[in-house]
Amino acid sequence: MKIAVIGDRETAIGFRLAGLSEVYEVKNDDEAIDILNDLNNKEEIAFIIITERISEKIKDKIRNINKVIVEIPDKNGKLRREDPIKELIRKAIGVVKK
């Protein structure tokens, strides 16, 4: 089983230097979706690493992928996201976020 990586230029370079061969540098959402679909059809790929910013833009397409997908931060750092469970609990108990 192989690991594939989808990311920006810097992420791709880092994983290539680490010895991975299935590394894809993408410049736009369409490229990312095409590569993701191709990887989904490859049986030897079991695990896909994708940067958070790319993943955020194509999250609807990622839901249809039958591989283990892990999001990692890119060179700009971690995305700030609100936990949907935490937000539902806040609304349920009437806590207003400031």
PDB file of N, CA and C in Angstrom:
ATOM      1  N   MET A   1       0.839  -1.184   0.000  1.00  0.00           N
ATOM      2  CA  MET A   1       0.000   0.000   0.000  1.00  0.00           C
ATOM      3  C   MET A   1       0.883   1.247   0.000  1.00  0.00           C
ATOM      4  N   LYS A   2       0.434   2.242  -0.753  1.00  0.00           N
ATOM      5  CA  LYS A   2       1.211   3.473  -0.895  1.00  0.00           C
ATOM      6  C   LYS A   2       0.479   4.662  -0.290  1.00  0.00           C
ATOM      7  N   ILE A   3       1.271   5.698  -0.030  1.00  0.00           N
ATOM      8  CA  ILE A   3       0.757   6.976   0.451  1.00  0.00           C
ATOM      9  C   ILE A   3       0.889   7.978  -0.684  1.00  0.00           C
ATOM     10  N   ALA A   4      -0.156   8.763  -0.909  1.00  0.00           N
ATOM     11  CA  ALA A   4      -0.114   9.827  -1.907  1.00  0.00           C
ATOM     12  C   ALA A   4      -0.276  11.167  -1.198  1.00  0.00           C
ATOM     13  N   VAL A   5       0.281  12.199  -1.802  1.00  0.00           N
ATOM     14  CA  VAL A   5       0.219  13.540  -1.226  1.00  0.00           C
ATOM     15  C   VAL A   5      -0.280  14.513  -2.284  1.00  0.00           C
ATOM     16  N   ILE A   6      -1.226  15.361  -1.892  1.00  0.00           N
ATOM     17  CA  ILE A   6      -1.713  16.448  -2.745  1.00  0.00           C
ATOM     18  C   ILE A   6      -1.476  17.737  -1.978  1.00  0.00           C
ATOM     19  N   GLY A   7      -0.727  18.650  -2.601  1.00  0.00           N
ATOM     20  CA  GLY A   7      -0.442  19.880  -1.879  1.00  0.00           C
ATOM     21  C   GLY A   7       0.106  20.972  -2.759  1.00  0.00           C
ATOM     22  N   ASP A   8       0.477  22.065  -2.124  1.00  0.00           N
ATOM     23  CA  ASP A   8       1.102  23.178  -2.826  1.00  0.00           C
ATOM     24  C   ASP A   8       2.558  22.819  -3.138  1.00  0.00           C
ATOM     25  N   ARG A   9       3.252  23.718  -3.777  1.00  0.00           N
ATOM     26  CA  ARG A   9       4.628  23.459  -4.210  1.00  0.00           C
ATOM     27  C   ARG A   9       5.543  23.071  -3.057  1.00  0.00           C
ATOM     28  N   GLU A  10       5.512  23.836  -1.983  1.00  0.00           N
ATOM     29  CA  GLU A  10       6.407  23.594  -0.858  1.00  0.00           C
ATOM     30  C   GLU A  10       6.112  22.254  -0.181  1.00  0.00           C
ATOM     31  N   THR A  11       4.846  21.940  -0.013  1.00  0.00           N
ATOM     32  CA  THR A  11       4.463  20.662   0.592  1.00  0.00           C
ATOM     33  C   THR A  11       4.927  19.511  -0.285  1.00  0.00           C
ATOM     34  N   ALA A  12       4.713  19.642  -1.583  1.00  0.00           N
ATOM     35  CA  ALA A  12       5.131  18.593  -2.519  1.00  0.00           C
ATOM     36  C   ALA A  12       6.641  18.373  -2.462  1.00  0.00           C
ATOM     37  N   ILE A  13       7.392  19.444  -2.450  1.00  0.00           N
ATOM     38  CA  ILE A  13       8.857  19.331  -2.388  1.00  0.00           C
ATOM     39  C   ILE A  13       9.274  18.616  -1.108  1.00  0.00           C
ATOM     40  N   GLY A  14       8.676  18.977   0.005  1.00  0.00           N
ATOM     41  CA  GLY A  14       9.024  18.355   1.286  1.00  0.00           C
ATOM     42  C   GLY A  14       8.783  16.852   1.288  1.00  0.00           C
ATOM     43  N   PHE A  15       7.650  16.426   0.767  1.00  0.00           N
ATOM     44  CA  PHE A  15       7.357  14.998   0.750  1.00  0.00           C
ATOM     45  C   PHE A  15       8.198  14.248  -0.273  1.00  0.00           C
ATOM     46  N   ARG A  16       8.546  14.902  -1.380  1.00  0.00           N
ATOM     47  CA  ARG A  16       9.465  14.256  -2.331  1.00  0.00           C
ATOM     48  C   ARG A  16      10.835  14.060  -1.695  1.00  0.00           C
ATOM     49  N   LEU A  17      11.290  15.068  -0.959  1.00  0.00           N
ATOM     50  CA  LEU A  17      12.576  14.942  -0.269  1.00  0.00           C
ATOM     51  C   LEU A  17      12.545  13.842   0.794  1.00  0.00           C
ATOM     52  N   ALA A  18      11.351  13.585   1.341  1.00  0.00           N
ATOM     53  CA  ALA A  18      11.202  12.526   2.345  1.00  0.00           C
ATOM     54  C   ALA A  18      11.152  11.141   1.701  1.00  0.00           C
ATOM     55  N   GLY A  19      11.098  11.089   0.365  1.00  0.00           N
ATOM     56  CA  GLY A  19      11.160   9.811  -0.322  1.00  0.00           C
ATOM     57  C   GLY A  19       9.855   9.299  -0.905  1.00  0.00           C
ATOM     58  N   LEU A  20       8.779  10.049  -0.789  1.00  0.00           N
ATOM     59  CA  LEU A  20       7.515   9.605  -1.375  1.00  0.00           C
ATOM     60  C   LEU A  20       7.517   9.866  -2.878  1.00  0.00           C
ATOM     61  N   SER A  21       6.930   8.944  -3.631  1.00  0.00           N
ATOM     62  CA  SER A  21       6.912   9.090  -5.085  1.00  0.00           C
ATOM     63  C   SER A  21       5.562   9.553  -5.621  1.00  0.00           C
ATOM     64  N   GLU A  22       4.494   9.262  -4.912  1.00  0.00           N
ATOM     65  CA  GLU A  22       3.143   9.661  -5.341  1.00  0.00           C
ATOM     66  C   GLU A  22       2.814  11.025  -4.750  1.00  0.00           C
ATOM     67  N   VAL A  23       3.499  12.060  -5.237  1.00  0.00           N
ATOM     68  CA  VAL A  23       3.331  13.420  -4.721  1.00  0.00           C
ATOM     69  C   VAL A  23       2.864  14.310  -5.864  1.00  0.00           C
ATOM     70  N   TYR A  24       1.785  15.050  -5.612  1.00  0.00           N
ATOM     71  CA  TYR A  24       1.181  15.868  -6.654  1.00  0.00           C
ATOM     72  C   TYR A  24       1.085  17.312  -6.204  1.00  0.00           C
ATOM     73  N   GLU A  25       1.705  18.181  -6.990  1.00  0.00           N
ATOM     74  CA  GLU A  25       1.645  19.618  -6.744  1.00  0.00           C
ATOM     75  C   GLU A  25       0.475  20.171  -7.542  1.00  0.00           C
ATOM     76  N   VAL A  26      -0.447  20.846  -6.872  1.00  0.00           N
ATOM     77  CA  VAL A  26      -1.615  21.395  -7.561  1.00  0.00           C
ATOM     78  C   VAL A  26      -1.632  22.910  -7.457  1.00  0.00           C
ATOM     79  N   LYS A  27      -2.168  23.526  -8.501  1.00  0.00           N
ATOM     80  CA  LYS A  27      -2.238  24.985  -8.549  1.00  0.00           C
ATOM     81  C   LYS A  27      -3.662  25.512  -8.437  1.00  0.00           C
ATOM     82  N   ASN A  28      -4.650  24.611  -8.646  1.00  0.00           N
ATOM     83  CA  ASN A  28      -6.042  25.057  -8.543  1.00  0.00           C
ATOM     84  C   ASN A  28      -6.933  23.892  -8.123  1.00  0.00           C
ATOM     85  N   ASP A  29      -8.181  24.219  -7.851  1.00  0.00           N
ATOM     86  CA  ASP A  29      -9.144  23.221  -7.359  1.00  0.00           C
ATOM     87  C   ASP A  29      -9.412  22.121  -8.375  1.00  0.00           C
ATOM     88  N   ASP A  30      -9.501  22.479  -9.646  1.00  0.00           N
ATOM     89  CA  ASP A  30      -9.787  21.482 -10.678  1.00  0.00           C
ATOM     90  C   ASP A  30      -8.688  20.421 -10.760  1.00  0.00           C
ATOM     91  N   GLU A  31      -7.432  20.862 -10.671  1.00  0.00           N
ATOM     92  CA  GLU A  31      -6.315  19.912 -10.667  1.00  0.00           C
ATOM     93  C   GLU A  31      -6.425  18.975  -9.468  1.00  0.00           C
ATOM     94  N   ALA A  32      -6.734  19.541  -8.304  1.00  0.00           N
ATOM     95  CA  ALA A  32      -6.839  18.740  -7.085  1.00  0.00           C
ATOM     96  C   ALA A  32      -7.948  17.696  -7.208  1.00  0.00           C
ATOM     97  N   ILE A  33      -9.084  18.091  -7.766  1.00  0.00           N
ATOM     98  CA  ILE A  33     -10.206  17.163  -7.922  1.00  0.00           C
ATOM     99  C   ILE A  33      -9.850  16.042  -8.897  1.00  0.00           C
ATOM    100  N   ASP A  34      -9.217  16.399 -10.014  1.00  0.00           N
ATOM    101  CA  ASP A  34      -8.818  15.379 -10.996  1.00  0.00           C
ATOM    102  C   ASP A  34      -7.845  14.375 -10.396  1.00  0.00           C
ATOM    103  N   ILE A  35      -6.855  14.858  -9.669  1.00  0.00           N
ATOM    104  CA  ILE A  35      -5.869  13.963  -9.059  1.00  0.00           C
ATOM    105  C   ILE A  35      -6.522  13.107  -7.990  1.00  0.00           C
ATOM    106  N   LEU A  36      -7.381  13.702  -7.186  1.00  0.00           N
ATOM    107  CA  LEU A  36      -8.080  12.959  -6.138  1.00  0.00           C
ATOM    108  C   LEU A  36      -8.909  11.822  -6.737  1.00  0.00           C
ATOM    109  N   ASN A  37      -9.611  12.092  -7.825  1.00  0.00           N
ATOM    110  CA  ASN A  37     -10.392  11.056  -8.490  1.00  0.00           C
ATOM    111  C   ASN A  37      -9.500   9.958  -9.060  1.00  0.00           C
ATOM    112  N   ASP A  38      -8.365  10.347  -9.638  1.00  0.00           N
ATOM    113  CA  ASP A  38      -7.425   9.345 -10.158  1.00  0.00           C
ATOM    114  C   ASP A  38      -6.880   8.469  -9.032  1.00  0.00           C
ATOM    115  N   LEU A  39      -6.524   9.092  -7.913  1.00  0.00           N
ATOM    116  CA  LEU A  39      -5.996   8.332  -6.775  1.00  0.00           C
ATOM    117  C   LEU A  39      -7.052   7.407  -6.187  1.00  0.00           C
ATOM    118  N   ASN A  40      -8.289   7.819  -6.203  1.00  0.00           N
ATOM    119  CA  ASN A  40      -9.372   6.997  -5.679  1.00  0.00           C
ATOM    120  C   ASN A  40      -9.517   5.702  -6.474  1.00  0.00           C
ATOM    121  N   ASN A  41      -9.149   5.738  -7.757  1.00  0.00           N
ATOM    122  CA  ASN A  41      -9.252   4.557  -8.617  1.00  0.00           C
ATOM    123  C   ASN A  41      -8.020   3.658  -8.568  1.00  0.00           C
ATOM    124  N   LYS A  42      -6.948   4.107  -7.921  1.00  0.00           N
ATOM    125  CA  LYS A  42      -5.730   3.300  -7.816  1.00  0.00           C
ATOM    126  C   LYS A  42      -5.805   2.432  -6.562  1.00  0.00           C
ATOM    127  N   GLU A  43      -5.804   1.131  -6.754  1.00  0.00           N
ATOM    128  CA  GLU A  43      -5.921   0.223  -5.616  1.00  0.00           C
ATOM    129  C   GLU A  43      -4.699   0.231  -4.717  1.00  0.00           C
ATOM    130  N   GLU A  44      -3.522   0.537  -5.270  1.00  0.00           N
ATOM    131  CA  GLU A  44      -2.309   0.520  -4.449  1.00  0.00           C
ATOM    132  C   GLU A  44      -2.212   1.722  -3.500  1.00  0.00           C
ATOM    133  N   ILE A  45      -3.040   2.748  -3.727  1.00  0.00           N
ATOM    134  CA  ILE A  45      -3.058   3.911  -2.834  1.00  0.00           C
ATOM    135  C   ILE A  45      -4.067   3.660  -1.722  1.00  0.00           C
ATOM    136  N   ALA A  46      -3.588   3.684  -0.480  1.00  0.00           N
ATOM    137  CA  ALA A  46      -4.475   3.440   0.660  1.00  0.00           C
ATOM    138  C   ALA A  46      -4.696   4.696   1.492  1.00  0.00           C
ATOM    139  N   PHE A  47      -3.808   5.661   1.341  1.00  0.00           N
ATOM    140  CA  PHE A  47      -3.739   6.772   2.271  1.00  0.00           C
ATOM    141  C   PHE A  47      -3.429   8.034   1.473  1.00  0.00           C
ATOM    142  N   ILE A  48      -4.216   9.094   1.629  1.00  0.00           N
ATOM    143  CA  ILE A  48      -3.973  10.348   0.918  1.00  0.00           C
ATOM    144  C   ILE A  48      -3.781  11.471   1.930  1.00  0.00           C
ATOM    145  N   ILE A  49      -2.672  12.164   1.791  1.00  0.00           N
ATOM    146  CA  ILE A  49      -2.392  13.339   2.614  1.00  0.00           C
ATOM    147  C   ILE A  49      -2.682  14.553   1.739  1.00  0.00           C
ATOM    148  N   ILE A  50      -3.457  15.499   2.280  1.00  0.00           N
ATOM    149  CA  ILE A  50      -3.822  16.698   1.524  1.00  0.00           C
ATOM    150  C   ILE A  50      -3.724  17.910   2.446  1.00  0.00           C
ATOM    151  N   THR A  51      -3.306  19.036   1.897  1.00  0.00           N
ATOM    152  CA  THR A  51      -3.203  20.227   2.743  1.00  0.00           C
ATOM    153  C   THR A  51      -4.601  20.753   3.072  1.00  0.00           C
ATOM    154  N   GLU A  52      -4.714  21.369   4.231  1.00  0.00           N
ATOM    155  CA  GLU A  52      -6.012  21.859   4.720  1.00  0.00           C
ATOM    156  C   GLU A  52      -6.654  22.864   3.775  1.00  0.00           C
ATOM    157  N   ARG A  53      -5.872  23.769   3.227  1.00  0.00           N
ATOM    158  CA  ARG A  53      -6.439  24.806   2.361  1.00  0.00           C
ATOM    159  C   ARG A  53      -7.009  24.216   1.073  1.00  0.00           C
ATOM    160  N   ILE A  54      -6.344  23.233   0.519  1.00  0.00           N
ATOM    161  CA  ILE A  54      -6.881  22.564  -0.670  1.00  0.00           C
ATOM    162  C   ILE A  54      -8.115  21.763  -0.287  1.00  0.00           C
ATOM    163  N   SER A  55      -8.027  21.050   0.811  1.00  0.00           N
ATOM    164  CA  SER A  55      -9.147  20.230   1.271  1.00  0.00           C
ATOM    165  C   SER A  55     -10.390  21.070   1.534  1.00  0.00           C
ATOM    166  N   GLU A  56     -10.203  22.227   2.112  1.00  0.00           N
ATOM    167  CA  GLU A  56     -11.331  23.110   2.434  1.00  0.00           C
ATOM    168  C   GLU A  56     -12.072  23.541   1.169  1.00  0.00           C
ATOM    169  N   LYS A  57     -11.329  23.759   0.097  1.00  0.00           N
ATOM    170  CA  LYS A  57     -11.935  24.219  -1.155  1.00  0.00           C
ATOM    171  C   LYS A  57     -12.698  23.116  -1.882  1.00  0.00           C
ATOM    172  N   ILE A  58     -12.306  21.852  -1.663  1.00  0.00           N
ATOM    173  CA  ILE A  58     -12.939  20.745  -2.403  1.00  0.00           C
ATOM    174  C   ILE A  58     -13.595  19.732  -1.465  1.00  0.00           C
ATOM    175  N   LYS A  59     -14.019  20.190  -0.293  1.00  0.00           N
ATOM    176  CA  LYS A  59     -14.530  19.268   0.723  1.00  0.00           C
ATOM    177  C   LYS A  59     -15.724  18.444   0.261  1.00  0.00           C
ATOM    178  N   ASP A  60     -16.557  18.981  -0.636  1.00  0.00           N
ATOM    179  CA  ASP A  60     -17.699  18.214  -1.137  1.00  0.00           C
ATOM    180  C   ASP A  60     -17.249  17.013  -1.961  1.00  0.00           C
ATOM    181  N   LYS A  61     -16.160  17.157  -2.690  1.00  0.00           N
ATOM    182  CA  LYS A  61     -15.631  16.051  -3.503  1.00  0.00           C
ATOM    183  C   LYS A  61     -14.928  15.012  -2.638  1.00  0.00           C
ATOM    184  N   ILE A  62     -14.311  15.454  -1.556  1.00  0.00           N
ATOM    185  CA  ILE A  62     -13.578  14.536  -0.678  1.00  0.00           C
ATOM    186  C   ILE A  62     -14.517  13.540  -0.019  1.00  0.00           C
ATOM    187  N   ARG A  63     -15.733  13.935   0.230  1.00  0.00           N
ATOM    188  CA  ARG A  63     -16.699  13.036   0.881  1.00  0.00           C
ATOM    189  C   ARG A  63     -16.971  11.778   0.062  1.00  0.00           C
ATOM    190  N   ASN A  64     -16.724  11.832  -1.243  1.00  0.00           N
ATOM    191  CA  ASN A  64     -16.994  10.700  -2.123  1.00  0.00           C
ATOM    192  C   ASN A  64     -15.788   9.775  -2.306  1.00  0.00           C
ATOM    193  N   ILE A  65     -14.702  10.054  -1.622  1.00  0.00           N
ATOM    194  CA  ILE A  65     -13.471   9.274  -1.786  1.00  0.00           C
ATOM    195  C   ILE A  65     -13.455   8.130  -0.783  1.00  0.00           C
ATOM    196  N   ASN A  66     -13.059   6.952  -1.258  1.00  0.00           N
ATOM    197  CA  ASN A  66     -13.046   5.750  -0.420  1.00  0.00           C
ATOM    198  C   ASN A  66     -11.649   5.405   0.080  1.00  0.00           C
ATOM    199  N   LYS A  67     -10.883   6.387   0.419  1.00  0.00           N
ATOM    200  CA  LYS A  67      -9.533   6.202   0.960  1.00  0.00           C
ATOM    201  C   LYS A  67      -9.442   6.936   2.293  1.00  0.00           C
ATOM    202  N   VAL A  68      -8.420   6.615   3.058  1.00  0.00           N
ATOM    203  CA  VAL A  68      -8.160   7.361   4.290  1.00  0.00           C
ATOM    204  C   VAL A  68      -7.502   8.672   3.885  1.00  0.00           C
ATOM    205  N   ILE A  69      -8.110   9.784   4.282  1.00  0.00           N
ATOM    206  CA  ILE A  69      -7.586  11.106   3.931  1.00  0.00           C
ATOM    207  C   ILE A  69      -7.240  11.856   5.207  1.00  0.00           C
ATOM    208  N   VAL A  70      -6.016  12.375   5.224  1.00  0.00           N
ATOM    209  CA  VAL A  70      -5.549  13.138   6.375  1.00  0.00           C
ATOM    210  C   VAL A  70      -5.185  14.536   5.908  1.00  0.00           C
ATOM    211  N   GLU A  71      -5.711  15.527   6.603  1.00  0.00           N
ATOM    212  CA  GLU A  71      -5.400  16.919   6.293  1.00  0.00           C
ATOM    213  C   GLU A  71      -4.218  17.371   7.129  1.00  0.00           C
ATOM    214  N   ILE A  72      -3.309  18.099   6.488  1.00  0.00           N
ATOM    215  CA  ILE A  72      -2.161  18.658   7.195  1.00  0.00           C
ATOM    216  C   ILE A  72      -2.096  20.157   6.913  1.00  0.00           C
ATOM    217  N   PRO A  73      -1.495  20.934   7.824  1.00  0.00           N
ATOM    218  CA  PRO A  73      -1.316  22.355   7.553  1.00  0.00           C
ATOM    219  C   PRO A  73      -0.300  22.554   6.429  1.00  0.00           C
ATOM    220  N   ASP A  74      -0.401  23.667   5.734  1.00  0.00           N
ATOM    221  CA  ASP A  74       0.602  23.989   4.728  1.00  0.00           C
ATOM    222  C   ASP A  74       1.589  24.994   5.316  1.00  0.00           C
ATOM    223  N   LYS A  75       2.370  25.634   4.472  1.00  0.00           N
ATOM    224  CA  LYS A  75       3.396  26.570   4.954  1.00  0.00           C
ATOM    225  C   LYS A  75       2.822  27.757   5.712  1.00  0.00           C
ATOM    226  N   ASN A  76       1.532  28.055   5.493  1.00  0.00           N
ATOM    227  CA  ASN A  76       0.894  29.191   6.170  1.00  0.00           C
ATOM    228  C   ASN A  76       0.334  28.842   7.535  1.00  0.00           C
ATOM    229  N   GLY A  77       0.434  27.590   7.933  1.00  0.00           N
ATOM    230  CA  GLY A  77      -0.035  27.183   9.248  1.00  0.00           C
ATOM    231  C   GLY A  77      -1.431  26.586   9.221  1.00  0.00           C
ATOM    232  N   LYS A  78      -1.897  26.245  10.391  1.00  0.00           N
ATOM    233  CA  LYS A  78      -3.177  25.568  10.570  1.00  0.00           C
ATOM    234  C   LYS A  78      -4.344  26.517  10.328  1.00  0.00           C
ATOM    235  N   LEU A  79      -5.392  26.000   9.697  1.00  0.00           N
ATOM    236  CA  LEU A  79      -6.620  26.780   9.522  1.00  0.00           C
ATOM    237  C   LEU A  79      -7.389  26.820  10.827  1.00  0.00           C
ATOM    238  N   ARG A  80      -8.004  27.939  11.090  1.00  0.00           N
ATOM    239  CA  ARG A  80      -8.868  28.040  12.270  1.00  0.00           C
ATOM    240  C   ARG A  80     -10.269  27.661  11.844  1.00  0.00           C
ATOM    241  N   ARG A  81     -10.767  26.577  12.426  1.00  0.00           N
ATOM    242  CA  ARG A  81     -12.114  26.101  12.102  1.00  0.00           C
ATOM    243  C   ARG A  81     -12.900  25.947  13.381  1.00  0.00           C
ATOM    244  N   GLU A  82     -14.178  26.198  13.282  1.00  0.00           N
ATOM    245  CA  GLU A  82     -15.065  26.001  14.421  1.00  0.00           C
ATOM    246  C   GLU A  82     -15.518  24.551  14.422  1.00  0.00           C
ATOM    247  N   ASP A  83     -15.419  23.911  15.562  1.00  0.00           N
ATOM    248  CA  ASP A  83     -15.880  22.539  15.710  1.00  0.00           C
ATOM    249  C   ASP A  83     -17.406  22.531  15.663  1.00  0.00           C
ATOM    250  N   PRO A  84     -18.016  21.813  14.708  1.00  0.00           N
ATOM    251  CA  PRO A  84     -19.481  21.854  14.592  1.00  0.00           C
ATOM    252  C   PRO A  84     -20.208  21.304  15.814  1.00  0.00           C
ATOM    253  N   ILE A  85     -19.642  20.315  16.477  1.00  0.00           N
ATOM    254  CA  ILE A  85     -20.261  19.753  17.684  1.00  0.00           C
ATOM    255  C   ILE A  85     -20.247  20.798  18.802  1.00  0.00           C
ATOM    256  N   LYS A  86     -19.113  21.441  18.965  1.00  0.00           N
ATOM    257  CA  LYS A  86     -18.986  22.471  19.992  1.00  0.00           C
ATOM    258  C   LYS A  86     -19.979  23.610  19.749  1.00  0.00           C
ATOM    259  N   GLU A  87     -20.138  24.003  18.492  1.00  0.00           N
ATOM    260  CA  GLU A  87     -21.069  25.070  18.151  1.00  0.00           C
ATOM    261  C   GLU A  87     -22.518  24.667  18.447  1.00  0.00           C
ATOM    262  N   LEU A  88     -22.884  23.421  18.144  1.00  0.00           N
ATOM    263  CA  LEU A  88     -24.237  22.945  18.445  1.00  0.00           C
ATOM    264  C   LEU A  88     -24.503  22.927  19.943  1.00  0.00           C
ATOM    265  N   ILE A  89     -23.516  22.527  20.713  1.00  0.00           N
ATOM    266  CA  ILE A  89     -23.664  22.517  22.172  1.00  0.00           C
ATOM    267  C   ILE A  89     -23.834  23.938  22.694  1.00  0.00           C
ATOM    268  N   ARG A  90     -23.038  24.869  22.174  1.00  0.00           N
ATOM    269  CA  ARG A  90     -23.160  26.269  22.592  1.00  0.00           C
ATOM    270  C   ARG A  90     -24.560  26.805  22.316  1.00  0.00           C
ATOM    271  N   LYS A  91     -25.075  26.513  21.133  1.00  0.00           N
ATOM    272  CA  LYS A  91     -26.421  26.978  20.784  1.00  0.00           C
ATOM    273  C   LYS A  91     -27.475  26.335  21.676  1.00  0.00           C
ATOM    274  N   ALA A  92     -27.298  25.053  21.971  1.00  0.00           N
ATOM    275  CA  ALA A  92     -28.281  24.327  22.766  1.00  0.00           C
ATOM    276  C   ALA A  92     -28.374  24.855  24.201  1.00  0.00           C
ATOM    277  N   ILE A  93     -27.228  25.220  24.756  1.00  0.00           N
ATOM    278  CA  ILE A  93     -27.254  25.697  26.138  1.00  0.00           C
ATOM    279  C   ILE A  93     -27.335  27.215  26.241  1.00  0.00           C
ATOM    280  N   GLY A  94     -27.345  27.886  25.083  1.00  0.00           N
ATOM    281  CA  GLY A  94     -27.533  29.334  25.080  1.00  0.00           C
ATOM    282  C   GLY A  94     -26.288  30.144  25.355  1.00  0.00           C
ATOM    283  N   VAL A  95     -25.127  29.583  25.105  1.00  0.00           N
ATOM    284  CA  VAL A  95     -23.878  30.328  25.299  1.00  0.00           C
ATOM    285  C   VAL A  95     -23.575  31.076  24.009  1.00  0.00           C
ATOM    286  N   VAL A  96     -23.382  32.381  24.132  1.00  0.00           N
ATOM    287  CA  VAL A  96     -23.089  33.212  22.979  1.00  0.00           C
ATOM    288  C   VAL A  96     -21.590  33.393  22.885  1.00  0.00           C
ATOM    289  N   LYS A  97     -21.051  33.137  21.692  1.00  0.00           N
ATOM    290  CA  LYS A  97     -19.615  33.305  21.475  1.00  0.00           C
ATOM    291  C   LYS A  97     -19.314  34.764  21.193  1.00  0.00           C
ATOM    292  N   LYS A  98     -18.311  35.296  21.905  1.00  0.00           N
ATOM    293  CA  LYS A  98     -17.939  36.713  21.725  1.00  0.00           C
ATOM    294  C   LYS A  98     -16.741  36.849  20.837  1.00  0.00           C
TER     295      LYS A  98
END
